[in-house]
Amino acid sequence: MATAVNTAFFGTGISDRLRGLIANVKEAQAKRALYRTTYFELSSLSDRDLADLGFSRYDIASIAREHVYGK
């Protein structure tokens, strides 16, 4: 009786997965930094400036989130 053993690994190596994880973390950090910058820049505007743009102060978080994350 013959037995065949497949020793090939069809996945990515641990180093590839680690590089992918690091890239994802860096991307998340960059997006978070952009969110914070956008949020604080809009927060620094006066209520009148925000009204001129058609926003209220309560819209700032959702505007920043949509700008950065597209949600």
Protein backbone atom coordinates (compact mmCIF):
# COMPACT_ATOMS: atom_id res chain seq x y z
CA MET A 1 0.00 0.00 0.00
CA ALA A 2 1.37 3.40 -1.02
CA THR A 3 0.91 6.54 1.07
CA ALA A 4 1.37 10.05 -0.22
CA VAL A 5 2.27 12.83 2.17
CA ASN A 6 1.90 16.42 1.07
CA THR A 7 4.46 18.54 2.87
CA ALA A 8 3.87 21.71 0.86
CA PHE A 9 2.58 24.67 2.84
CA PHE A 10 0.20 26.82 0.84
CA GLY A 11 0.11 29.78 3.17
CA THR A 12 2.32 32.71 3.83
CA GLY A 13 5.24 32.53 6.18
CA ILE A 14 5.28 34.07 9.60
CA SER A 15 7.56 36.86 8.41
CA ASP A 16 5.04 37.82 5.69
CA ARG A 17 2.20 37.80 8.19
CA LEU A 18 4.26 39.89 10.62
CA ARG A 19 5.08 42.43 7.90
CA GLY A 20 1.38 42.60 7.03
CA LEU A 21 0.47 43.15 10.67
CA ILE A 22 3.05 45.92 11.04
CA ALA A 23 1.78 47.57 7.84
CA ASN A 24 -1.80 47.43 9.15
CA VAL A 25 -0.79 48.96 12.47
CA LYS A 26 1.12 51.77 10.73
CA GLU A 27 -1.84 52.47 8.46
CA ALA A 28 -4.21 52.57 11.43
CA GLN A 29 -1.87 54.95 13.27
CA ALA A 30 -1.65 57.24 10.24
CA LYS A 31 -5.44 57.30 9.87
CA ARG A 32 -5.89 58.00 13.56
CA ALA A 33 -3.41 60.88 13.36
CA LEU A 34 -5.27 62.32 10.37
CA TYR A 35 -8.58 61.95 12.23
CA ARG A 36 -7.21 63.78 15.27
CA THR A 37 -5.76 66.56 13.11
CA THR A 38 -9.02 67.00 11.22
CA TYR A 39 -11.07 66.90 14.42
CA PHE A 40 -8.93 69.47 16.23
CA GLU A 41 -8.72 71.80 13.24
CA LEU A 42 -12.50 71.82 12.90
CA SER A 43 -12.87 72.20 16.68
CA SER A 44 -10.70 75.29 16.59
CA LEU A 45 -13.15 77.07 14.29
CA SER A 46 -15.72 79.40 15.80
CA ASP A 47 -19.41 78.51 15.74
CA ARG A 48 -19.91 81.21 13.13
CA ASP A 49 -17.18 79.78 10.87
CA LEU A 50 -18.70 76.32 11.20
CA ALA A 51 -22.14 77.71 10.37
CA ASP A 52 -20.67 79.38 7.27
CA LEU A 53 -19.45 75.94 6.18
CA GLY A 54 -22.88 74.46 6.91
CA PHE A 55 -21.79 72.44 9.95
CA SER A 56 -22.62 72.53 13.60
CA ARG A 57 -20.19 71.73 16.38
CA TYR A 58 -21.98 68.41 16.90
CA ASP A 59 -21.10 67.33 13.35
CA ILE A 60 -17.33 67.58 13.82
CA ALA A 61 -16.69 63.96 14.87
CA SER A 62 -18.78 62.49 12.07
CA ILE A 63 -17.21 64.82 9.49
CA ALA A 64 -13.70 63.87 10.59
CA ARG A 65 -14.59 60.17 10.64
CA GLU A 66 -16.12 60.33 7.16
CA HIS A 67 -13.11 62.26 5.83
CA VAL A 68 -10.60 59.73 7.11
CA TYR A 69 -12.42 56.39 7.16
CA GLY A 70 -15.13 57.03 4.58
CA LYS A 71 -17.88 55.95 6.98
